[in-house]
Amino acid sequence: MVDRGPYAKGRERRQAIIESTVDVFSQVGSRGASMTAIARKVGISPALLQYYFSSREELLQAVISEWDRDNARRGEGLTHFADFLRAIRHNMEIPGIIHLYMTCVVEATDPDHPRRRFYTQRYHDLSPGIVEEVRRQQVAGSVRSDLDPDRIARILLATIEGLQIRWLHEPDFDLMEEFLYTLEMLGITPPELLTGELADLGDLTDWQQRARAAGRSS
């Protein structure tokens, strides 16, 4: 039975507010984003925004969660690193969300931050997929067996976040290609790179040739 009552309408309105906030932040970012300023940007009253979200931190967490869900939908059916590459390419089109995320994650390093646990858990949730993919490629022989998958996971997460900060300061390089280069240095090759399933992300011919050459020499 489909829920059509007031609770369903409330959930729909809340989700609509989140999606509108994501759209606004994608381009203009969250600088100076008080609840009143956010309500004005989204086009609703501060009272209505406060009704659905008790604090700025709660709303921004909801925005980050929606961003994660959107990237997950884009990566359905892909291996972990191909999913990463598709998300990075999309993130380059929404610099405001990247700025919002980096601001939130740094603020949450404060032990007393009300949403610290959310961001800590987010790292814990991201790491296992990286570790599993690295282990698969170690078994396949493309990644050195003496490398520690857990350390690689931390290094890769730190690398992409560091690259994003650098890119926000001066977007004079391609984030996705820098991440591809990092994977290449570690001997990691997303299978989709070789099959052409990532062709919509740009001209990856050089990367495909380099990956195939590395595979023949290993």
N, C-alpha and C. Protein backbone atom coordinates (compact mmCIF):
# COMPACT_ATOMS: atom_id res chain seq x y z
N MET A 1 0.84 -1.21 0.00
CA MET A 1 0.00 0.00 0.00
C MET A 1 0.87 1.25 0.00
N VAL A 2 0.58 2.18 -0.90
CA VAL A 2 1.35 3.40 -1.03
C VAL A 2 0.93 4.40 0.02
N ASP A 3 1.93 4.96 0.72
CA ASP A 3 1.64 5.94 1.77
C ASP A 3 1.35 7.30 1.12
N ARG A 4 0.10 7.76 1.25
CA ARG A 4 -0.30 9.04 0.66
C ARG A 4 -0.68 10.07 1.73
N GLY A 5 -0.45 9.74 2.99
CA GLY A 5 -0.86 10.61 4.07
C GLY A 5 0.06 11.78 4.28
N PRO A 6 -0.15 12.52 5.36
CA PRO A 6 0.64 13.72 5.64
C PRO A 6 2.12 13.42 5.85
N TYR A 7 2.44 12.21 6.39
CA TYR A 7 3.84 11.88 6.59
C TYR A 7 4.57 11.73 5.25
N ALA A 8 3.89 11.12 4.28
CA ALA A 8 4.48 10.97 2.95
C ALA A 8 4.71 12.33 2.31
N LYS A 9 3.73 13.22 2.45
CA LYS A 9 3.88 14.55 1.88
C LYS A 9 5.02 15.30 2.56
N GLY A 10 5.16 15.09 3.88
CA GLY A 10 6.24 15.73 4.61
C GLY A 10 7.60 15.25 4.14
N ARG A 11 7.71 13.93 3.91
CA ARG A 11 8.97 13.38 3.41
C ARG A 11 9.28 13.91 2.02
N GLU A 12 8.26 14.01 1.18
CA GLU A 12 8.46 14.53 -0.17
C GLU A 12 8.92 15.98 -0.13
N ARG A 13 8.30 16.78 0.75
CA ARG A 13 8.70 18.19 0.85
C ARG A 13 10.12 18.31 1.37
N ARG A 14 10.46 17.49 2.36
CA ARG A 14 11.82 17.51 2.90
C ARG A 14 12.84 17.15 1.82
N GLN A 15 12.53 16.10 1.04
CA GLN A 15 13.43 15.68 -0.03
C GLN A 15 13.55 16.76 -1.09
N ALA A 16 12.45 17.44 -1.40
CA ALA A 16 12.48 18.52 -2.39
C ALA A 16 13.39 19.66 -1.92
N ILE A 17 13.34 19.96 -0.62
CA ILE A 17 14.20 21.01 -0.06
C ILE A 17 15.67 20.60 -0.19
N ILE A 18 15.96 19.34 0.13
CA ILE A 18 17.34 18.85 0.01
C ILE A 18 17.82 18.97 -1.43
N GLU A 19 17.01 18.52 -2.38
CA GLU A 19 17.41 18.56 -3.78
C GLU A 19 17.60 19.98 -4.27
N SER A 20 16.73 20.89 -3.83
CA SER A 20 16.88 22.30 -4.21
C SER A 20 18.16 22.88 -3.63
N THR A 21 18.46 22.51 -2.39
CA THR A 21 19.68 23.00 -1.75
C THR A 21 20.91 22.47 -2.47
N VAL A 22 20.88 21.20 -2.88
CA VAL A 22 21.98 20.62 -3.65
C VAL A 22 22.18 21.40 -4.94
N ASP A 23 21.09 21.68 -5.66
CA ASP A 23 21.18 22.42 -6.92
C ASP A 23 21.81 23.79 -6.73
N VAL A 24 21.37 24.49 -5.67
CA VAL A 24 21.90 25.84 -5.41
C VAL A 24 23.38 25.77 -5.03
N PHE A 25 23.72 24.89 -4.09
CA PHE A 25 25.10 24.79 -3.62
C PHE A 25 26.04 24.29 -4.71
N SER A 26 25.53 23.51 -5.66
CA SER A 26 26.38 22.97 -6.72
C SER A 26 27.12 24.07 -7.45
N GLN A 27 26.50 25.21 -7.61
CA GLN A 27 27.09 26.29 -8.38
C GLN A 27 27.60 27.45 -7.53
N VAL A 28 26.90 27.79 -6.47
CA VAL A 28 27.29 28.98 -5.71
C VAL A 28 27.99 28.64 -4.40
N GLY A 29 28.01 27.37 -4.01
CA GLY A 29 28.69 26.99 -2.78
C GLY A 29 27.89 27.36 -1.54
N SER A 30 28.53 27.19 -0.40
CA SER A 30 27.83 27.37 0.87
C SER A 30 28.43 28.47 1.74
N ARG A 31 29.27 29.30 1.16
CA ARG A 31 29.92 30.34 1.95
C ARG A 31 28.86 31.27 2.56
N GLY A 32 28.98 31.49 3.86
CA GLY A 32 28.02 32.35 4.55
C GLY A 32 26.63 31.76 4.60
N ALA A 33 26.55 30.43 4.56
CA ALA A 33 25.24 29.78 4.44
C ALA A 33 24.58 29.59 5.80
N SER A 34 24.04 30.65 6.34
CA SER A 34 23.19 30.52 7.53
C SER A 34 21.87 29.92 7.09
N MET A 35 21.06 29.47 8.03
CA MET A 35 19.76 28.90 7.70
C MET A 35 18.91 29.93 6.95
N THR A 36 18.98 31.17 7.37
CA THR A 36 18.20 32.22 6.70
C THR A 36 18.67 32.41 5.26
N ALA A 37 20.01 32.42 5.09
CA ALA A 37 20.56 32.60 3.74
C ALA A 37 20.21 31.42 2.84
N ILE A 38 20.28 30.22 3.41
CA ILE A 38 19.94 29.02 2.62
C ILE A 38 18.47 29.07 2.20
N ALA A 39 17.60 29.43 3.14
CA ALA A 39 16.17 29.50 2.82
C ALA A 39 15.92 30.50 1.70
N ARG A 40 16.60 31.63 1.75
CA ARG A 40 16.44 32.65 0.72
C ARG A 40 16.91 32.13 -0.64
N LYS A 41 18.05 31.43 -0.65
CA LYS A 41 18.58 30.90 -1.90
C LYS A 41 17.66 29.83 -2.50
N VAL A 42 17.09 29.00 -1.61
CA VAL A 42 16.23 27.90 -2.08
C VAL A 42 14.83 28.41 -2.44
N GLY A 43 14.44 29.55 -1.88
CA GLY A 43 13.14 30.12 -2.21
C GLY A 43 12.02 29.71 -1.28
N ILE A 44 12.36 29.46 0.00
CA ILE A 44 11.34 29.14 0.98
C ILE A 44 11.55 30.02 2.21
N SER A 45 10.62 29.98 3.13
CA SER A 45 10.75 30.80 4.33
C SER A 45 11.72 30.14 5.32
N PRO A 46 12.45 30.92 6.11
CA PRO A 46 13.32 30.35 7.14
C PRO A 46 12.55 29.45 8.11
N ALA A 47 11.31 29.82 8.41
CA ALA A 47 10.51 29.02 9.34
C ALA A 47 10.24 27.63 8.78
N LEU A 48 9.96 27.55 7.47
CA LEU A 48 9.71 26.24 6.86
C LEU A 48 10.99 25.40 6.85
N LEU A 49 12.10 26.03 6.54
CA LEU A 49 13.37 25.30 6.54
C LEU A 49 13.67 24.77 7.95
N GLN A 50 13.44 25.61 8.95
CA GLN A 50 13.70 25.23 10.33
C GLN A 50 12.75 24.10 10.78
N TYR A 51 11.58 24.05 10.19
CA TYR A 51 10.61 23.00 10.53
C TYR A 51 11.15 21.62 10.14
N TYR A 52 11.79 21.55 8.97
CA TYR A 52 12.28 20.27 8.47
C TYR A 52 13.71 19.95 8.92
N PHE A 53 14.48 20.99 9.23
CA PHE A 53 15.87 20.78 9.64
C PHE A 53 16.15 21.66 10.85
N SER A 54 16.48 21.02 11.95
CA SER A 54 16.62 21.77 13.20
C SER A 54 17.88 22.61 13.27
N SER A 55 18.86 22.30 12.43
CA SER A 55 20.12 23.05 12.46
C SER A 55 20.76 23.07 11.08
N ARG A 56 21.68 24.00 10.90
CA ARG A 56 22.46 24.08 9.66
C ARG A 56 23.23 22.78 9.43
N GLU A 57 23.81 22.22 10.50
CA GLU A 57 24.60 21.00 10.38
C GLU A 57 23.75 19.83 9.90
N GLU A 58 22.51 19.75 10.39
CA GLU A 58 21.61 18.67 9.96
C GLU A 58 21.30 18.80 8.47
N LEU A 59 21.05 20.01 8.01
CA LEU A 59 20.74 20.22 6.59
C LEU A 59 21.96 19.89 5.73
N LEU A 60 23.14 20.36 6.12
CA LEU A 60 24.32 20.11 5.31
C LEU A 60 24.66 18.63 5.27
N GLN A 61 24.42 17.92 6.36
CA GLN A 61 24.62 16.47 6.35
C GLN A 61 23.67 15.82 5.36
N ALA A 62 22.43 16.28 5.31
CA ALA A 62 21.45 15.74 4.37
C ALA A 62 21.88 16.00 2.93
N VAL A 63 22.47 17.17 2.69
CA VAL A 63 22.95 17.51 1.34
C VAL A 63 24.10 16.58 0.94
N ILE A 64 25.04 16.35 1.86
CA ILE A 64 26.16 15.45 1.57
C ILE A 64 25.66 14.03 1.31
N SER A 65 24.68 13.59 2.09
CA SER A 65 24.12 12.25 1.89
C SER A 65 23.44 12.13 0.53
N GLU A 66 22.73 13.18 0.11
CA GLU A 66 22.08 13.18 -1.20
C GLU A 66 23.12 13.15 -2.31
N TRP A 67 24.20 13.89 -2.13
CA TRP A 67 25.32 13.88 -3.10
C TRP A 67 25.90 12.48 -3.21
N ASP A 68 26.09 11.81 -2.08
CA ASP A 68 26.61 10.44 -2.09
C ASP A 68 25.66 9.50 -2.83
N ARG A 69 24.36 9.64 -2.58
CA ARG A 69 23.38 8.76 -3.25
C ARG A 69 23.39 9.00 -4.76
N ASP A 70 23.51 10.26 -5.15
CA ASP A 70 23.54 10.59 -6.58
C ASP A 70 24.77 9.96 -7.24
N ASN A 71 25.93 10.06 -6.60
CA ASN A 71 27.13 9.45 -7.15
C ASN A 71 27.01 7.93 -7.18
N ALA A 72 26.35 7.35 -6.17
CA ALA A 72 26.17 5.89 -6.16
C ALA A 72 25.30 5.45 -7.34
N ARG A 73 24.27 6.23 -7.63
CA ARG A 73 23.41 5.89 -8.79
C ARG A 73 24.20 5.97 -10.09
N ARG A 74 25.09 6.94 -10.20
CA ARG A 74 25.90 7.08 -11.42
C ARG A 74 26.87 5.91 -11.60
N GLY A 75 27.26 5.31 -10.47
CA GLY A 75 28.25 4.24 -10.55
C GLY A 75 27.68 2.85 -10.48
N GLU A 76 26.36 2.71 -10.58
CA GLU A 76 25.75 1.38 -10.49
C GLU A 76 26.30 0.45 -11.58
N GLY A 77 26.69 -0.75 -11.16
CA GLY A 77 27.19 -1.75 -12.10
C GLY A 77 28.67 -1.63 -12.41
N LEU A 78 29.35 -0.64 -11.83
CA LEU A 78 30.78 -0.45 -12.09
C LEU A 78 31.60 -0.99 -10.92
N THR A 79 32.85 -1.34 -11.20
CA THR A 79 33.76 -1.68 -10.12
C THR A 79 34.11 -0.41 -9.35
N HIS A 80 34.75 -0.58 -8.20
CA HIS A 80 34.88 0.54 -7.27
C HIS A 80 35.63 1.72 -7.86
N PHE A 81 36.75 1.48 -8.53
CA PHE A 81 37.54 2.61 -9.01
C PHE A 81 36.91 3.28 -10.23
N ALA A 82 36.20 2.52 -11.03
CA ALA A 82 35.45 3.12 -12.13
C ALA A 82 34.35 4.02 -11.59
N ASP A 83 33.72 3.57 -10.52
CA ASP A 83 32.72 4.38 -9.82
C ASP A 83 33.35 5.68 -9.35
N PHE A 84 34.55 5.59 -8.76
CA PHE A 84 35.27 6.77 -8.31
C PHE A 84 35.51 7.75 -9.46
N LEU A 85 35.96 7.22 -10.59
CA LEU A 85 36.29 8.08 -11.73
C LEU A 85 35.04 8.79 -12.26
N ARG A 86 33.94 8.08 -12.33
CA ARG A 86 32.70 8.70 -12.80
C ARG A 86 32.25 9.79 -11.83
N ALA A 87 32.39 9.53 -10.53
CA ALA A 87 32.00 10.52 -9.54
C ALA A 87 32.89 11.75 -9.62
N ILE A 88 34.19 11.55 -9.80
CA ILE A 88 35.12 12.68 -9.88
C ILE A 88 34.79 13.55 -11.08
N ARG A 89 34.51 12.92 -12.22
CA ARG A 89 34.16 13.70 -13.42
C ARG A 89 32.91 14.54 -13.17
N HIS A 90 31.91 13.94 -12.54
CA HIS A 90 30.69 14.69 -12.22
C HIS A 90 30.97 15.79 -11.21
N ASN A 91 31.80 15.51 -10.21
CA ASN A 91 32.09 16.50 -9.19
C ASN A 91 32.72 17.76 -9.76
N MET A 92 33.45 17.62 -10.86
CA MET A 92 34.08 18.79 -11.48
C MET A 92 33.04 19.75 -12.04
N GLU A 93 31.81 19.25 -12.22
CA GLU A 93 30.74 20.10 -12.74
C GLU A 93 29.97 20.79 -11.62
N ILE A 94 30.25 20.42 -10.37
CA ILE A 94 29.51 20.98 -9.22
C ILE A 94 30.50 21.45 -8.15
N PRO A 95 31.32 22.43 -8.47
CA PRO A 95 32.36 22.85 -7.52
C PRO A 95 31.81 23.33 -6.19
N GLY A 96 30.59 23.85 -6.18
CA GLY A 96 30.02 24.33 -4.93
C GLY A 96 29.82 23.20 -3.92
N ILE A 97 29.43 22.02 -4.39
CA ILE A 97 29.23 20.88 -3.50
C ILE A 97 30.58 20.39 -2.97
N ILE A 98 31.60 20.41 -3.84
CA ILE A 98 32.93 20.01 -3.39
C ILE A 98 33.42 20.95 -2.29
N HIS A 99 33.19 22.26 -2.50
CA HIS A 99 33.58 23.25 -1.48
C HIS A 99 32.81 23.00 -0.19
N LEU A 100 31.52 22.73 -0.31
CA LEU A 100 30.70 22.46 0.86
C LEU A 100 31.23 21.24 1.62
N TYR A 101 31.50 20.15 0.89
CA TYR A 101 31.96 18.94 1.54
C TYR A 101 33.29 19.16 2.24
N MET A 102 34.25 19.78 1.54
CA MET A 102 35.56 19.97 2.14
C MET A 102 35.46 20.86 3.38
N THR A 103 34.60 21.86 3.34
CA THR A 103 34.41 22.72 4.50
C THR A 103 33.83 21.94 5.67
N CYS A 104 32.80 21.14 5.38
CA CYS A 104 32.14 20.35 6.44
C CYS A 104 33.08 19.33 7.05
N VAL A 105 33.86 18.65 6.22
CA VAL A 105 34.69 17.57 6.73
C VAL A 105 35.83 18.13 7.58
N VAL A 106 36.32 19.32 7.24
CA VAL A 106 37.36 19.94 8.06
C VAL A 106 36.76 20.44 9.38
N GLU A 107 35.59 21.07 9.32
CA GLU A 107 34.94 21.53 10.55
C GLU A 107 34.67 20.36 11.50
N ALA A 108 34.35 19.19 10.93
CA ALA A 108 34.00 18.03 11.74
C ALA A 108 35.20 17.37 12.41
N THR A 109 36.43 17.87 12.14
CA THR A 109 37.59 17.35 12.87
C THR A 109 37.56 17.81 14.33
N ASP A 110 36.78 18.83 14.63
CA ASP A 110 36.59 19.28 16.01
C ASP A 110 35.90 18.16 16.79
N PRO A 111 36.52 17.67 17.88
CA PRO A 111 35.91 16.56 18.64
C PRO A 111 34.50 16.87 19.14
N ASP A 112 34.17 18.15 19.28
CA ASP A 112 32.85 18.52 19.79
C ASP A 112 31.85 18.84 18.69
N HIS A 113 32.25 18.65 17.43
CA HIS A 113 31.34 18.96 16.32
C HIS A 113 30.13 18.02 16.38
N PRO A 114 28.91 18.55 16.23
CA PRO A 114 27.71 17.72 16.38
C PRO A 114 27.57 16.61 15.33
N ARG A 115 28.25 16.75 14.20
CA ARG A 115 28.12 15.74 13.13
C ARG A 115 29.43 14.99 12.89
N ARG A 116 30.34 15.04 13.83
CA ARG A 116 31.64 14.39 13.66
C ARG A 116 31.48 12.90 13.34
N ARG A 117 30.58 12.23 14.07
CA ARG A 117 30.41 10.79 13.87
C ARG A 117 29.99 10.47 12.44
N PHE A 118 29.15 11.32 11.83
CA PHE A 118 28.69 11.09 10.46
C PHE A 118 29.88 11.04 9.49
N TYR A 119 30.78 12.02 9.60
CA TYR A 119 31.90 12.08 8.66
C TYR A 119 32.93 10.98 8.94
N THR A 120 33.12 10.64 10.21
CA THR A 120 34.00 9.52 10.55
C THR A 120 33.46 8.22 9.97
N GLN A 121 32.15 8.02 10.11
CA GLN A 121 31.53 6.81 9.58
C GLN A 121 31.59 6.77 8.07
N ARG A 122 31.51 7.93 7.45
CA ARG A 122 31.58 7.99 5.98
C ARG A 122 32.93 7.45 5.49
N TYR A 123 34.01 7.82 6.16
CA TYR A 123 35.32 7.27 5.80
C TYR A 123 35.34 5.76 6.00
N HIS A 124 34.79 5.29 7.12
CA HIS A 124 34.76 3.85 7.37
C HIS A 124 33.96 3.12 6.29
N ASP A 125 32.90 3.73 5.79
CA ASP A 125 32.07 3.10 4.77
C ASP A 125 32.75 3.08 3.40
N LEU A 126 33.58 4.08 3.12
CA LEU A 126 34.25 4.15 1.82
C LEU A 126 35.42 3.18 1.71
N SER A 127 36.11 2.94 2.80
CA SER A 127 37.36 2.18 2.76
C SER A 127 37.22 0.72 2.34
N PRO A 128 36.21 -0.03 2.83
CA PRO A 128 36.16 -1.46 2.49
C PRO A 128 36.09 -1.74 0.99
N GLY A 129 35.36 -0.92 0.23
CA GLY A 129 35.28 -1.14 -1.21
C GLY A 129 36.62 -0.98 -1.89
N ILE A 130 37.41 -0.01 -1.43
CA ILE A 130 38.75 0.19 -1.99
C ILE A 130 39.64 -1.00 -1.65
N VAL A 131 39.59 -1.41 -0.39
CA VAL A 131 40.42 -2.54 0.06
C VAL A 131 40.09 -3.80 -0.74
N GLU A 132 38.81 -4.07 -0.93
CA GLU A 132 38.39 -5.26 -1.68
C GLU A 132 38.88 -5.22 -3.11
N GLU A 133 38.77 -4.05 -3.74
CA GLU A 133 39.21 -3.93 -5.14
C GLU A 133 40.72 -4.11 -5.26
N VAL A 134 41.47 -3.54 -4.33
CA VAL A 134 42.93 -3.69 -4.35
C VAL A 134 43.30 -5.17 -4.20
N ARG A 135 42.63 -5.87 -3.30
CA ARG A 135 42.93 -7.29 -3.10
C ARG A 135 42.62 -8.10 -4.35
N ARG A 136 41.52 -7.76 -5.03
CA ARG A 136 41.19 -8.47 -6.28
C ARG A 136 42.31 -8.28 -7.30
N GLN A 137 42.81 -7.06 -7.39
CA GLN A 137 43.85 -6.80 -8.39
C GLN A 137 45.20 -7.38 -7.96
N GLN A 138 45.40 -7.55 -6.67
CA GLN A 138 46.61 -8.25 -6.22
C GLN A 138 46.55 -9.72 -6.63
N VAL A 139 45.38 -10.33 -6.49
CA VAL A 139 45.21 -11.73 -6.90
C VAL A 139 45.42 -11.86 -8.40
N ALA A 140 44.94 -10.85 -9.16
CA ALA A 140 45.08 -10.88 -10.62
C ALA A 140 46.51 -10.60 -11.06
N GLY A 141 47.34 -10.08 -10.13
CA GLY A 141 48.74 -9.84 -10.45
C GLY A 141 49.07 -8.46 -10.95
N SER A 142 48.08 -7.54 -10.99
CA SER A 142 48.36 -6.19 -11.49
C SER A 142 48.86 -5.25 -10.41
N VAL A 143 48.56 -5.56 -9.16
CA VAL A 143 49.03 -4.75 -8.03
C VAL A 143 49.97 -5.60 -7.20
N ARG A 144 51.08 -5.00 -6.79
CA ARG A 144 52.08 -5.73 -6.02
C ARG A 144 51.46 -6.37 -4.77
N SER A 145 51.80 -7.63 -4.54
CA SER A 145 51.21 -8.37 -3.43
C SER A 145 51.72 -7.91 -2.07
N ASP A 146 52.85 -7.19 -2.04
CA ASP A 146 53.40 -6.75 -0.76
C ASP A 146 52.83 -5.42 -0.29
N LEU A 147 51.96 -4.80 -1.09
CA LEU A 147 51.35 -3.54 -0.69
C LEU A 147 50.18 -3.81 0.25
N ASP A 148 50.02 -2.94 1.23
CA ASP A 148 48.97 -3.08 2.25
C ASP A 148 47.68 -2.43 1.74
N PRO A 149 46.63 -3.21 1.45
CA PRO A 149 45.38 -2.64 0.92
C PRO A 149 44.76 -1.58 1.81
N ASP A 150 44.85 -1.75 3.12
CA ASP A 150 44.27 -0.75 4.03
C ASP A 150 45.00 0.58 3.93
N ARG A 151 46.31 0.53 3.80
CA ARG A 151 47.08 1.76 3.65
C ARG A 151 46.78 2.42 2.31
N ILE A 152 46.67 1.60 1.26
CA ILE A 152 46.34 2.15 -0.06
C ILE A 152 45.00 2.86 -0.02
N ALA A 153 44.03 2.27 0.70
CA ALA A 153 42.71 2.90 0.81
C ALA A 153 42.82 4.27 1.45
N ARG A 154 43.57 4.37 2.54
CA ARG A 154 43.74 5.66 3.20
C ARG A 154 44.45 6.66 2.30
N ILE A 155 45.49 6.18 1.61
CA ILE A 155 46.26 7.06 0.73
C ILE A 155 45.40 7.59 -0.41
N LEU A 156 44.58 6.71 -1.01
CA LEU A 156 43.75 7.14 -2.14
C LEU A 156 42.68 8.13 -1.69
N LEU A 157 42.05 7.89 -0.54
CA LEU A 157 41.04 8.82 -0.04
C LEU A 157 41.68 10.17 0.27
N ALA A 158 42.86 10.13 0.89
CA ALA A 158 43.55 11.39 1.20
C ALA A 158 43.99 12.10 -0.07
N THR A 159 44.40 11.32 -1.08
CA THR A 159 44.86 11.92 -2.35
C THR A 159 43.74 12.67 -3.04
N ILE A 160 42.56 12.03 -3.17
CA ILE A 160 41.49 12.70 -3.90
C ILE A 160 40.99 13.92 -3.14
N GLU A 161 40.97 13.85 -1.82
CA GLU A 161 40.51 15.02 -1.07
C GLU A 161 41.53 16.15 -1.15
N GLY A 162 42.82 15.80 -1.11
CA GLY A 162 43.85 16.82 -1.28
C GLY A 162 43.81 17.45 -2.66
N LEU A 163 43.61 16.62 -3.69
CA LEU A 163 43.51 17.13 -5.05
C LEU A 163 42.31 18.06 -5.21
N GLN A 164 41.20 17.71 -4.54
CA GLN A 164 40.02 18.56 -4.64
C GLN A 164 40.26 19.93 -4.03
N ILE A 165 40.96 19.98 -2.89
CA ILE A 165 41.28 21.27 -2.28
C ILE A 165 42.15 22.10 -3.22
N ARG A 166 43.18 21.45 -3.78
CA ARG A 166 44.07 22.15 -4.72
C ARG A 166 43.28 22.64 -5.94
N TRP A 167 42.36 21.82 -6.43
CA TRP A 167 41.56 22.17 -7.61
C TRP A 167 40.63 23.33 -7.32
N LEU A 168 40.07 23.37 -6.10
CA LEU A 168 39.20 24.48 -5.74
C LEU A 168 39.97 25.80 -5.71
N HIS A 169 41.23 25.76 -5.30
CA HIS A 169 42.05 26.97 -5.30
C HIS A 169 42.36 27.44 -6.72
N GLU A 170 42.68 26.48 -7.57
CA GLU A 170 43.05 26.82 -8.95
C GLU A 170 42.78 25.62 -9.86
N PRO A 171 41.64 25.62 -10.53
CA PRO A 171 41.27 24.46 -11.36
C PRO A 171 42.01 24.43 -12.70
N ASP A 172 43.33 24.30 -12.62
CA ASP A 172 44.14 24.32 -13.83
C ASP A 172 44.60 22.93 -14.23
N PHE A 173 43.93 21.90 -13.74
CA PHE A 173 44.24 20.52 -14.11
C PHE A 173 42.97 19.70 -14.04
N ASP A 174 43.03 18.50 -14.60
CA ASP A 174 41.87 17.61 -14.66
C ASP A 174 41.92 16.65 -13.46
N LEU A 175 40.97 16.79 -12.55
CA LEU A 175 40.94 15.95 -11.36
C LEU A 175 40.93 14.46 -11.68
N MET A 176 40.12 14.09 -12.65
CA MET A 176 39.98 12.68 -12.97
C MET A 176 41.30 12.10 -13.50
N GLU A 177 41.98 12.87 -14.35
CA GLU A 177 43.24 12.37 -14.89
C GLU A 177 44.32 12.28 -13.82
N GLU A 178 44.31 13.20 -12.87
CA GLU A 178 45.27 13.11 -11.77
C GLU A 178 45.02 11.86 -10.93
N PHE A 179 43.75 11.51 -10.74
CA PHE A 179 43.43 10.30 -9.98
C PHE A 179 43.81 9.06 -10.79
N LEU A 180 43.60 9.10 -12.10
CA LEU A 180 44.02 7.99 -12.96
C LEU A 180 45.53 7.78 -12.86
N TYR A 181 46.26 8.89 -12.81
CA TYR A 181 47.71 8.82 -12.70
C TYR A 181 48.12 8.18 -11.37
N THR A 182 47.41 8.53 -10.31
CA THR A 182 47.69 7.93 -9.00
C THR A 182 47.44 6.43 -9.03
N LEU A 183 46.31 6.02 -9.64
CA LEU A 183 46.02 4.59 -9.76
C LEU A 183 47.11 3.88 -10.57
N GLU A 184 47.54 4.52 -11.64
CA GLU A 184 48.57 3.93 -12.50
C GLU A 184 49.87 3.71 -11.73
N MET A 185 50.24 4.67 -10.89
CA MET A 185 51.48 4.53 -10.11
C MET A 185 51.42 3.33 -9.18
N LEU A 186 50.21 2.99 -8.73
CA LEU A 186 50.02 1.85 -7.83
C LEU A 186 49.75 0.55 -8.58
N GLY A 187 49.66 0.63 -9.91
CA GLY A 187 49.40 -0.55 -10.71
C GLY A 187 47.94 -0.94 -10.75
N ILE A 188 47.05 -0.01 -10.39
CA ILE A 188 45.62 -0.30 -10.35
C ILE A 188 44.96 0.11 -11.67
N THR A 189 44.24 -0.82 -12.29
CA THR A 189 43.56 -0.53 -13.56
C THR A 189 42.09 -0.89 -13.44
N PRO A 190 41.19 0.09 -13.48
CA PRO A 190 39.76 -0.24 -13.51
C PRO A 190 39.45 -1.05 -14.77
N PRO A 191 38.84 -2.22 -14.68
CA PRO A 191 38.55 -3.02 -15.87
C PRO A 191 37.77 -2.24 -16.93
N GLU A 192 36.89 -1.36 -16.48
CA GLU A 192 36.07 -0.59 -17.43
C GLU A 192 36.90 0.35 -18.30
N LEU A 193 38.10 0.67 -17.84
CA LEU A 193 38.98 1.51 -18.65
C LEU A 193 39.38 0.77 -19.92
N LEU A 194 39.58 -0.53 -19.81
CA LEU A 194 40.00 -1.33 -20.96
C LEU A 194 38.83 -1.71 -21.86
N THR A 195 37.64 -1.84 -21.29
CA THR A 195 36.48 -2.26 -22.09
C THR A 195 35.79 -1.09 -22.79
N GLY A 196 36.17 0.13 -22.45
CA GLY A 196 35.56 1.29 -23.08
C GLY A 196 34.29 1.78 -22.42
N GLU A 197 33.95 1.21 -21.25
CA GLU A 197 32.71 1.59 -20.56
C GLU A 197 32.78 2.99 -19.95
N LEU A 198 33.97 3.59 -19.94
CA LEU A 198 34.12 4.93 -19.39
C LEU A 198 34.34 5.97 -20.49
N ALA A 199 33.99 5.59 -21.72
CA ALA A 199 34.26 6.48 -22.86
C ALA A 199 33.54 7.82 -22.73
N ASP A 200 32.42 7.84 -22.03
CA ASP A 200 31.66 9.08 -21.90
C ASP A 200 32.34 10.08 -20.97
N LEU A 201 33.42 9.66 -20.32
CA LEU A 201 34.12 10.57 -19.40
C LEU A 201 35.18 11.40 -20.11
N GLY A 202 35.38 11.15 -21.40
CA GLY A 202 36.37 11.90 -22.16
C GLY A 202 37.26 10.95 -22.95
N ASP A 203 38.26 11.51 -23.63
CA ASP A 203 39.17 10.70 -24.43
C ASP A 203 40.19 10.03 -23.51
N LEU A 204 40.02 8.74 -23.31
CA LEU A 204 40.90 7.99 -22.41
C LEU A 204 41.82 7.05 -23.18
N THR A 205 42.00 7.32 -24.47
CA THR A 205 42.80 6.43 -25.33
C THR A 205 44.20 6.23 -24.79
N ASP A 206 44.87 7.32 -24.40
CA ASP A 206 46.24 7.20 -23.90
C ASP A 206 46.30 6.34 -22.65
N TRP A 207 45.32 6.52 -21.76
CA TRP A 207 45.30 5.74 -20.53
C TRP A 207 45.05 4.27 -20.83
N GLN A 208 44.17 4.00 -21.80
CA GLN A 208 43.90 2.61 -22.18
C GLN A 208 45.16 1.94 -22.73
N GLN A 209 45.89 2.65 -23.60
CA GLN A 209 47.10 2.09 -24.19
C GLN A 209 48.16 1.83 -23.13
N ARG A 210 48.29 2.75 -22.18
CA ARG A 210 49.28 2.59 -21.12
C ARG A 210 48.91 1.42 -20.21
N ALA A 211 47.61 1.26 -19.93
CA ALA A 211 47.16 0.16 -19.09
C ALA A 211 47.41 -1.17 -19.77
N ARG A 212 47.14 -1.25 -21.08
CA ARG A 212 47.36 -2.49 -21.81
C ARG A 212 48.85 -2.82 -21.88
N ALA A 213 49.68 -1.79 -22.08
CA ALA A 213 51.13 -2.01 -22.12
C ALA A 213 51.63 -2.49 -20.77
N ALA A 214 51.11 -1.92 -19.70
CA ALA A 214 51.53 -2.35 -18.36
C ALA A 214 51.11 -3.80 -18.11
N GLY A 215 49.92 -4.18 -18.61
CA GLY A 215 49.44 -5.54 -18.44
C GLY A 215 50.31 -6.55 -19.17
N ARG A 216 50.80 -6.17 -20.38
CA ARG A 216 51.65 -7.08 -21.15
C ARG A 216 53.01 -7.26 -20.52
N SER A 217 53.50 -6.20 -19.83
CA SER A 217 54.84 -6.27 -19.28
C SER A 217 54.89 -6.88 -17.89
N SER A 218 53.70 -7.05 -17.26
CA SER A 218 53.69 -7.59 -15.90
C SER A 218 53.81 -9.12 -15.89
